[in-house]
Amino acid sequence: MIALSIAQSALSMARFRSSIGSGQYPPCTFPELIERAVELDPARADLLVALGQELRLSGRLLEAIKALQRALERGADAKSTLALLALAYRARFDYRPALATYRRALVLAPDDADLIVHFGTVL
């Protein structure tokens, strides 16, 4: 699902690449690249999901949580975004919000085996 979201952001990334060529931005890390893409197109929920995922993977958990919450506010796919948000909470050892977030995701997809397993690991 994340791969699809990133693929759908091709237009924003193309605009961003053209701004890099202009020398407007210095070299950066992948999360910084996505942050800049969000600056160019802040309404794109899929970019916020990608940013949240990259921030979570790089250990910037509070920033990841904020990006994923903003993605939900902007209409991102709720099930997958909630699952990523729960993973970020879990990585911070914030088990109550992780459980609550998994519960929200399971309401949307009660038969999703991955969600059920991840929910069980927090219990």
N, C-alpha and C. Protein backbone atom coordinates (compact mmCIF):
# COMPACT_ATOMS: atom_id res chain seq x y z
N MET A 1 0.81 -1.18 0.00
CA MET A 1 0.00 0.00 0.00
C MET A 1 0.86 1.26 0.00
N ILE A 2 1.93 1.23 0.78
CA ILE A 2 2.84 2.39 0.82
C ILE A 2 3.45 2.60 -0.56
N ALA A 3 3.82 1.49 -1.23
CA ALA A 3 4.43 1.62 -2.56
C ALA A 3 3.46 2.30 -3.52
N LEU A 4 2.18 1.96 -3.42
CA LEU A 4 1.18 2.58 -4.27
C LEU A 4 1.06 4.06 -3.97
N SER A 5 1.06 4.41 -2.70
CA SER A 5 0.98 5.82 -2.31
C SER A 5 2.16 6.61 -2.85
N ILE A 6 3.34 6.02 -2.76
CA ILE A 6 4.53 6.71 -3.25
C ILE A 6 4.46 6.84 -4.78
N ALA A 7 3.97 5.78 -5.44
CA ALA A 7 3.84 5.83 -6.89
C ALA A 7 2.86 6.92 -7.30
N GLN A 8 1.80 7.10 -6.54
CA GLN A 8 0.81 8.11 -6.86
C GLN A 8 1.32 9.53 -6.64
N SER A 9 2.41 9.67 -5.96
CA SER A 9 2.95 11.00 -5.70
C SER A 9 3.96 11.43 -6.77
N ALA A 10 3.96 10.77 -7.91
CA ALA A 10 4.95 11.05 -8.95
C ALA A 10 4.91 12.51 -9.41
N LEU A 11 3.73 13.09 -9.54
CA LEU A 11 3.64 14.47 -9.99
C LEU A 11 4.31 15.42 -9.02
N SER A 12 4.04 15.25 -7.74
CA SER A 12 4.66 16.12 -6.74
C SER A 12 6.18 15.95 -6.75
N MET A 13 6.61 14.70 -6.87
CA MET A 13 8.05 14.46 -6.88
C MET A 13 8.69 15.06 -8.13
N ALA A 14 7.99 15.02 -9.27
CA ALA A 14 8.54 15.61 -10.50
C ALA A 14 8.72 17.12 -10.32
N ARG A 15 7.72 17.77 -9.71
CA ARG A 15 7.86 19.21 -9.45
C ARG A 15 9.01 19.47 -8.49
N PHE A 16 9.15 18.58 -7.50
CA PHE A 16 10.23 18.75 -6.54
C PHE A 16 11.59 18.60 -7.22
N ARG A 17 11.70 17.57 -8.07
CA ARG A 17 12.98 17.36 -8.77
C ARG A 17 13.37 18.58 -9.59
N SER A 18 12.38 19.21 -10.23
CA SER A 18 12.71 20.39 -11.02
C SER A 18 13.20 21.52 -10.12
N SER A 19 12.68 21.60 -8.89
CA SER A 19 13.15 22.64 -7.98
C SER A 19 14.56 22.33 -7.47
N ILE A 20 14.89 21.02 -7.37
CA ILE A 20 16.25 20.66 -6.96
C ILE A 20 17.24 21.10 -8.03
N GLY A 21 16.88 20.85 -9.30
CA GLY A 21 17.75 21.22 -10.40
C GLY A 21 18.04 22.72 -10.44
N SER A 22 17.14 23.50 -9.88
CA SER A 22 17.34 24.94 -9.88
C SER A 22 18.34 25.38 -8.81
N GLY A 23 18.77 24.43 -7.97
CA GLY A 23 19.69 24.77 -6.89
C GLY A 23 19.00 25.35 -5.68
N GLN A 24 17.67 25.29 -5.67
CA GLN A 24 16.90 25.85 -4.56
C GLN A 24 17.14 25.09 -3.26
N TYR A 25 17.37 23.76 -3.35
CA TYR A 25 17.53 22.93 -2.17
C TYR A 25 18.89 22.24 -2.17
N PRO A 26 19.53 22.13 -0.99
CA PRO A 26 20.78 21.36 -0.90
C PRO A 26 20.47 19.86 -0.85
N PRO A 27 21.48 19.01 -0.96
CA PRO A 27 21.27 17.56 -0.82
C PRO A 27 20.61 17.23 0.52
N CYS A 28 19.81 16.13 0.56
CA CYS A 28 19.08 15.83 1.78
C CYS A 28 18.84 14.32 1.91
N THR A 29 18.31 13.93 3.07
CA THR A 29 17.94 12.54 3.32
C THR A 29 16.56 12.27 2.71
N PHE A 30 16.17 10.98 2.65
CA PHE A 30 14.88 10.65 2.07
C PHE A 30 13.72 11.26 2.85
N PRO A 31 13.68 11.20 4.21
CA PRO A 31 12.58 11.88 4.90
C PRO A 31 12.54 13.37 4.59
N GLU A 32 13.70 14.00 4.48
CA GLU A 32 13.72 15.43 4.14
C GLU A 32 13.18 15.66 2.73
N LEU A 33 13.48 14.75 1.83
CA LEU A 33 12.96 14.85 0.46
C LEU A 33 11.43 14.81 0.48
N ILE A 34 10.87 13.89 1.24
CA ILE A 34 9.41 13.80 1.31
C ILE A 34 8.83 15.03 2.01
N GLU A 35 9.51 15.55 3.04
CA GLU A 35 9.05 16.76 3.70
C GLU A 35 8.96 17.91 2.70
N ARG A 36 9.92 17.99 1.83
CA ARG A 36 9.91 19.06 0.82
C ARG A 36 8.81 18.84 -0.20
N ALA A 37 8.54 17.59 -0.53
CA ALA A 37 7.42 17.29 -1.43
C ALA A 37 6.10 17.70 -0.77
N VAL A 38 5.98 17.49 0.54
CA VAL A 38 4.78 17.91 1.28
C VAL A 38 4.65 19.43 1.23
N GLU A 39 5.78 20.13 1.32
CA GLU A 39 5.74 21.60 1.22
C GLU A 39 5.16 22.04 -0.12
N LEU A 40 5.51 21.32 -1.19
CA LEU A 40 5.02 21.66 -2.51
C LEU A 40 3.55 21.33 -2.70
N ASP A 41 3.08 20.28 -2.05
CA ASP A 41 1.70 19.84 -2.22
C ASP A 41 1.15 19.38 -0.87
N PRO A 42 0.86 20.32 0.04
CA PRO A 42 0.46 19.96 1.40
C PRO A 42 -0.87 19.23 1.52
N ALA A 43 -1.68 19.24 0.49
CA ALA A 43 -2.98 18.56 0.55
C ALA A 43 -2.87 17.06 0.28
N ARG A 44 -1.72 16.60 -0.14
CA ARG A 44 -1.54 15.19 -0.51
C ARG A 44 -1.37 14.33 0.72
N ALA A 45 -2.42 13.62 1.09
CA ALA A 45 -2.38 12.73 2.25
C ALA A 45 -1.39 11.60 2.05
N ASP A 46 -1.25 11.11 0.82
CA ASP A 46 -0.33 10.00 0.57
C ASP A 46 1.12 10.39 0.83
N LEU A 47 1.47 11.64 0.59
CA LEU A 47 2.82 12.09 0.90
C LEU A 47 3.05 12.12 2.41
N LEU A 48 2.02 12.52 3.15
CA LEU A 48 2.13 12.52 4.61
C LEU A 48 2.27 11.11 5.16
N VAL A 49 1.57 10.16 4.54
CA VAL A 49 1.71 8.75 4.96
C VAL A 49 3.14 8.28 4.70
N ALA A 50 3.65 8.58 3.51
CA ALA A 50 5.03 8.19 3.18
C ALA A 50 6.02 8.85 4.13
N LEU A 51 5.78 10.11 4.44
CA LEU A 51 6.65 10.82 5.39
C LEU A 51 6.59 10.16 6.76
N GLY A 52 5.38 9.85 7.23
CA GLY A 52 5.23 9.20 8.53
C GLY A 52 5.96 7.87 8.59
N GLN A 53 5.85 7.11 7.52
CA GLN A 53 6.53 5.81 7.46
C GLN A 53 8.05 5.99 7.51
N GLU A 54 8.57 6.91 6.73
CA GLU A 54 10.02 7.13 6.70
C GLU A 54 10.52 7.67 8.04
N LEU A 55 9.77 8.57 8.65
CA LEU A 55 10.18 9.09 9.96
C LEU A 55 10.16 7.99 11.01
N ARG A 56 9.14 7.11 10.95
CA ARG A 56 9.08 5.99 11.89
C ARG A 56 10.28 5.08 11.71
N LEU A 57 10.61 4.77 10.48
CA LEU A 57 11.74 3.87 10.21
C LEU A 57 13.07 4.48 10.63
N SER A 58 13.16 5.82 10.59
CA SER A 58 14.40 6.47 10.99
C SER A 58 14.43 6.81 12.48
N GLY A 59 13.39 6.38 13.23
CA GLY A 59 13.38 6.56 14.67
C GLY A 59 12.85 7.90 15.15
N ARG A 60 12.35 8.71 14.25
CA ARG A 60 11.80 10.02 14.62
C ARG A 60 10.30 9.83 14.89
N LEU A 61 10.01 9.18 16.01
CA LEU A 61 8.67 8.66 16.26
C LEU A 61 7.62 9.73 16.53
N LEU A 62 7.93 10.75 17.29
CA LEU A 62 6.96 11.81 17.54
C LEU A 62 6.58 12.53 16.25
N GLU A 63 7.58 12.79 15.41
CA GLU A 63 7.32 13.43 14.13
C GLU A 63 6.49 12.50 13.23
N ALA A 64 6.78 11.21 13.29
CA ALA A 64 6.02 10.24 12.50
C ALA A 64 4.55 10.23 12.93
N ILE A 65 4.32 10.24 14.23
CA ILE A 65 2.95 10.24 14.75
C ILE A 65 2.20 11.47 14.26
N LYS A 66 2.84 12.63 14.33
CA LYS A 66 2.20 13.87 13.88
C LYS A 66 1.89 13.82 12.38
N ALA A 67 2.83 13.32 11.58
CA ALA A 67 2.60 13.24 10.13
C ALA A 67 1.46 12.29 9.81
N LEU A 68 1.41 11.15 10.49
CA LEU A 68 0.35 10.17 10.24
C LEU A 68 -1.01 10.70 10.70
N GLN A 69 -1.04 11.43 11.80
CA GLN A 69 -2.30 12.03 12.25
C GLN A 69 -2.78 13.07 11.24
N ARG A 70 -1.86 13.88 10.70
CA ARG A 70 -2.23 14.85 9.68
C ARG A 70 -2.73 14.15 8.42
N ALA A 71 -2.11 13.02 8.08
CA ALA A 71 -2.56 12.26 6.90
C ALA A 71 -4.00 11.78 7.08
N LEU A 72 -4.32 11.31 8.27
CA LEU A 72 -5.69 10.87 8.55
C LEU A 72 -6.67 12.04 8.43
N GLU A 73 -6.27 13.20 8.94
CA GLU A 73 -7.12 14.39 8.84
C GLU A 73 -7.36 14.79 7.39
N ARG A 74 -6.41 14.49 6.53
CA ARG A 74 -6.52 14.87 5.12
C ARG A 74 -7.11 13.76 4.25
N GLY A 75 -7.59 12.68 4.89
CA GLY A 75 -8.32 11.66 4.14
C GLY A 75 -7.50 10.49 3.64
N ALA A 76 -6.36 10.23 4.25
CA ALA A 76 -5.55 9.06 3.85
C ALA A 76 -6.33 7.78 4.12
N ASP A 77 -5.94 6.71 3.42
CA ASP A 77 -6.55 5.40 3.64
C ASP A 77 -6.44 5.08 5.13
N ALA A 78 -7.60 4.99 5.77
CA ALA A 78 -7.62 4.90 7.24
C ALA A 78 -6.98 3.62 7.76
N LYS A 79 -7.30 2.48 7.17
CA LYS A 79 -6.80 1.22 7.72
C LYS A 79 -5.27 1.17 7.71
N SER A 80 -4.67 1.43 6.58
CA SER A 80 -3.21 1.33 6.51
C SER A 80 -2.52 2.43 7.30
N THR A 81 -3.09 3.62 7.30
CA THR A 81 -2.50 4.72 8.05
C THR A 81 -2.61 4.48 9.55
N LEU A 82 -3.76 3.96 9.98
CA LEU A 82 -3.91 3.62 11.40
C LEU A 82 -2.93 2.53 11.81
N ALA A 83 -2.70 1.57 10.94
CA ALA A 83 -1.75 0.50 11.25
C ALA A 83 -0.33 1.08 11.44
N LEU A 84 0.07 1.99 10.55
CA LEU A 84 1.38 2.63 10.68
C LEU A 84 1.45 3.49 11.95
N LEU A 85 0.37 4.19 12.24
CA LEU A 85 0.32 5.01 13.45
C LEU A 85 0.46 4.14 14.70
N ALA A 86 -0.23 3.01 14.72
CA ALA A 86 -0.13 2.09 15.86
C ALA A 86 1.29 1.57 16.01
N LEU A 87 1.95 1.27 14.90
CA LEU A 87 3.35 0.82 14.96
C LEU A 87 4.25 1.90 15.56
N ALA A 88 4.00 3.15 15.22
CA ALA A 88 4.80 4.25 15.77
C ALA A 88 4.57 4.37 17.28
N TYR A 89 3.31 4.28 17.70
CA TYR A 89 3.04 4.32 19.14
C TYR A 89 3.72 3.15 19.85
N ARG A 90 3.62 1.97 19.25
CA ARG A 90 4.22 0.78 19.86
C ARG A 90 5.73 0.93 19.98
N ALA A 91 6.36 1.49 18.96
CA ALA A 91 7.81 1.68 19.00
C ALA A 91 8.23 2.63 20.13
N ARG A 92 7.32 3.52 20.52
CA ARG A 92 7.58 4.44 21.64
C ARG A 92 7.20 3.83 22.98
N PHE A 93 6.69 2.59 22.95
CA PHE A 93 6.19 1.91 24.14
C PHE A 93 4.96 2.62 24.72
N ASP A 94 4.23 3.30 23.88
CA ASP A 94 2.96 3.93 24.25
C ASP A 94 1.85 2.93 23.92
N TYR A 95 1.65 2.00 24.83
CA TYR A 95 0.76 0.88 24.53
C TYR A 95 -0.72 1.25 24.50
N ARG A 96 -1.15 2.17 25.33
CA ARG A 96 -2.58 2.54 25.31
C ARG A 96 -2.99 3.15 23.98
N PRO A 97 -2.28 4.16 23.49
CA PRO A 97 -2.67 4.69 22.18
C PRO A 97 -2.47 3.66 21.06
N ALA A 98 -1.47 2.80 21.20
CA ALA A 98 -1.27 1.75 20.19
C ALA A 98 -2.48 0.83 20.13
N LEU A 99 -2.95 0.39 21.31
CA LEU A 99 -4.12 -0.49 21.36
C LEU A 99 -5.36 0.21 20.80
N ALA A 100 -5.56 1.45 21.20
CA ALA A 100 -6.73 2.20 20.72
C ALA A 100 -6.68 2.36 19.20
N THR A 101 -5.49 2.59 18.68
CA THR A 101 -5.34 2.78 17.23
C THR A 101 -5.56 1.47 16.49
N TYR A 102 -5.02 0.37 17.02
CA TYR A 102 -5.29 -0.94 16.41
C TYR A 102 -6.79 -1.26 16.44
N ARG A 103 -7.45 -0.91 17.54
CA ARG A 103 -8.91 -1.16 17.61
C ARG A 103 -9.64 -0.39 16.52
N ARG A 104 -9.25 0.86 16.30
CA ARG A 104 -9.88 1.66 15.23
C ARG A 104 -9.65 1.01 13.87
N ALA A 105 -8.45 0.51 13.64
CA ALA A 105 -8.14 -0.14 12.36
C ALA A 105 -8.93 -1.43 12.21
N LEU A 106 -9.06 -2.18 13.30
CA LEU A 106 -9.78 -3.46 13.24
C LEU A 106 -11.28 -3.27 13.01
N VAL A 107 -11.83 -2.14 13.41
CA VAL A 107 -13.23 -1.86 13.09
C VAL A 107 -13.40 -1.77 11.58
N LEU A 108 -12.40 -1.20 10.91
CA LEU A 108 -12.45 -1.05 9.45
C LEU A 108 -12.14 -2.34 8.72
N ALA A 109 -11.32 -3.19 9.31
CA ALA A 109 -10.90 -4.44 8.66
C ALA A 109 -10.80 -5.55 9.69
N PRO A 110 -11.94 -6.05 10.16
CA PRO A 110 -11.92 -7.03 11.25
C PRO A 110 -11.27 -8.36 10.92
N ASP A 111 -11.13 -8.68 9.65
CA ASP A 111 -10.54 -9.96 9.25
C ASP A 111 -9.09 -9.84 8.78
N ASP A 112 -8.48 -8.69 8.96
CA ASP A 112 -7.11 -8.48 8.51
C ASP A 112 -6.14 -9.20 9.46
N ALA A 113 -5.54 -10.25 8.97
CA ALA A 113 -4.68 -11.10 9.80
C ALA A 113 -3.48 -10.32 10.37
N ASP A 114 -2.88 -9.47 9.56
CA ASP A 114 -1.72 -8.69 10.04
C ASP A 114 -2.12 -7.77 11.20
N LEU A 115 -3.25 -7.11 11.07
CA LEU A 115 -3.71 -6.24 12.15
C LEU A 115 -3.97 -7.03 13.42
N ILE A 116 -4.58 -8.19 13.27
CA ILE A 116 -4.90 -9.02 14.43
C ILE A 116 -3.63 -9.46 15.14
N VAL A 117 -2.63 -9.87 14.36
CA VAL A 117 -1.35 -10.30 14.96
C VAL A 117 -0.67 -9.13 15.67
N HIS A 118 -0.60 -7.97 15.00
CA HIS A 118 0.04 -6.81 15.62
C HIS A 118 -0.72 -6.37 16.87
N PHE A 119 -2.03 -6.39 16.81
CA PHE A 119 -2.85 -6.06 17.98
C PHE A 119 -2.51 -7.02 19.13
N GLY A 120 -2.40 -8.28 18.82
CA GLY A 120 -2.07 -9.29 19.84
C GLY A 120 -0.71 -9.09 20.46
N THR A 121 0.26 -8.59 19.70
CA THR A 121 1.60 -8.38 20.25
C THR A 121 1.63 -7.26 21.26
N VAL A 122 0.67 -6.34 21.17
CA VAL A 122 0.63 -5.22 22.12
C VAL A 122 -0.07 -5.64 23.41
N LEU A 123 -1.00 -6.59 23.30
CA LEU A 123 -1.70 -7.06 24.49
C LEU A 123 -0.72 -7.76 25.37
